[in-house]
C-alpha atoms as a PDB file:
ATOM      1  CA  MET A   1       4.853  19.971   3.569  1.00  0.00           C
ATOM      2  CA  LEU A   2       3.275  22.839   1.691  1.00  0.00           C
ATOM      3  CA  ASP A   3       3.920  26.534   2.357  1.00  0.00           C
ATOM      4  CA  ASP A   4       0.539  26.959   4.074  1.00  0.00           C
ATOM      5  CA  GLY A   5       1.235  24.128   6.565  1.00  0.00           C
ATOM      6  CA  ARG A   6      -0.790  21.397   4.872  1.00  0.00           C
ATOM      7  CA  VAL A   7       0.940  18.034   4.473  1.00  0.00           C
ATOM      8  CA  LEU A   8       0.854  15.685   1.479  1.00  0.00           C
ATOM      9  CA  TYR A   9       0.926  11.985   2.384  1.00  0.00           C
ATOM     10  CA  ALA A  10       1.426   9.226  -0.209  1.00  0.00           C
ATOM     11  CA  GLU A  11       0.408   5.689   0.764  1.00  0.00           C
ATOM     12  CA  ARG A  12       2.147   2.651  -0.703  1.00  0.00           C
ATOM     13  CA  LYS A  13      -1.267   1.332  -1.737  1.00  0.00           C
ATOM     14  CA  GLY A  14      -1.782   4.298  -4.083  1.00  0.00           C
ATOM     15  CA  LYS A  15      -3.736   6.967  -2.210  1.00  0.00           C
ATOM     16  CA  LEU A  16      -2.471  10.545  -2.076  1.00  0.00           C
ATOM     17  CA  LYS A  17      -3.815  12.349   0.978  1.00  0.00           C
ATOM     18  CA  LEU A  18      -3.790  15.941   2.153  1.00  0.00           C
ATOM     19  CA  TYR A  19      -3.684  16.701   5.880  1.00  0.00           C
ATOM     20  CA  HIS A  20      -5.184  19.993   7.094  1.00  0.00           C
ATOM     21  CA  PRO A  21      -3.569  20.872  10.474  1.00  0.00           C
ATOM     22  CA  ALA A  22      -6.106  23.652  11.146  1.00  0.00           C
ATOM     23  CA  THR A  23      -8.991  21.161  11.152  1.00  0.00           C
ATOM     24  CA  GLY A  24      -7.082  17.960  11.966  1.00  0.00           C
ATOM     25  CA  LYS A  25      -8.689  16.247   8.971  1.00  0.00           C
ATOM     26  CA  MET A  26      -7.160  14.157   6.209  1.00  0.00           C
ATOM     27  CA  GLN A  27      -8.611  14.126   2.691  1.00  0.00           C
ATOM     28  CA  VAL A  28      -7.952  11.695  -0.181  1.00  0.00           C
ATOM     29  CA  ILE A  29      -7.102  13.908  -3.161  1.00  0.00           C
ATOM     30  CA  ALA A  30      -6.012  11.246  -5.680  1.00  0.00           C
ATOM     31  CA  GLU A  31      -5.774   7.473  -6.147  1.00  0.00           C
ATOM     32  CA  PHE A  32      -3.210   5.770  -8.351  1.00  0.00           C
ATOM     33  CA  ASN A  33      -3.070   2.184  -9.607  1.00  0.00           C
ATOM     34  CA  VAL A  34       0.058   0.633  -8.129  1.00  0.00           C
ATOM     35  CA  SER A  35       1.640  -2.790  -8.341  1.00  0.00           C
ATOM     36  CA  ARG A  36       1.780  -4.611  -5.031  1.00  0.00           C
ATOM     37  CA  GLU A  37       3.865  -7.500  -6.351  1.00  0.00           C
ATOM     38  CA  TYR A  38       7.367  -7.587  -4.922  1.00  0.00           C
ATOM     39  CA  VAL A  39      10.327  -7.654  -7.292  1.00  0.00           C
ATOM     40  CA  SER A  40      13.782  -8.166  -5.846  1.00  0.00           C
ATOM     41  CA  LYS A  41      16.736  -5.880  -6.554  1.00  0.00           C
ATOM     42  CA  ARG A  42      17.833  -8.435  -9.154  1.00  0.00           C
ATOM     43  CA  ALA A  43      14.539  -7.782 -11.011  1.00  0.00           C
ATOM     44  CA  SER A  44      13.388 -11.374 -10.700  1.00  0.00           C
ATOM     45  CA  ALA A  45       9.799 -12.138  -9.783  1.00  0.00           C
ATOM     46  CA  PRO A  46       9.129 -14.150  -6.635  1.00  0.00           C
ATOM     47  CA  LYS A  47       8.795 -17.909  -7.116  1.00  0.00           C
ATOM     48  CA  GLU A  48       5.521 -18.133  -5.203  1.00  0.00           C
ATOM     49  CA  LYS A  49       2.721 -15.632  -4.950  1.00  0.00           C
ATOM     50  CA  THR A  50       1.089 -15.105  -1.592  1.00  0.00           C
ATOM     51  CA  ALA A  51      -2.324 -13.672  -0.874  1.00  0.00           C
ATOM     52  CA  CYS A  52      -2.435 -10.059   0.257  1.00  0.00           C
ATOM     53  CA  ARG A  53      -4.195  -9.600   3.586  1.00  0.00           C
ATOM     54  CA  ALA A  54      -6.001  -6.392   4.448  1.00  0.00           C
END
């Protein structure tokens, strides 16, 4: 939360959003390339890849 009441929201899929409580609107302010492939705590890749569903 920022000093002026706006809220930053980071999505796991890579979008950084800014919520304006005065207007009730959310704005995408940045997009980052992120990896969606799961890696276990042991740092080993999964044996099978599955399709990502939207």
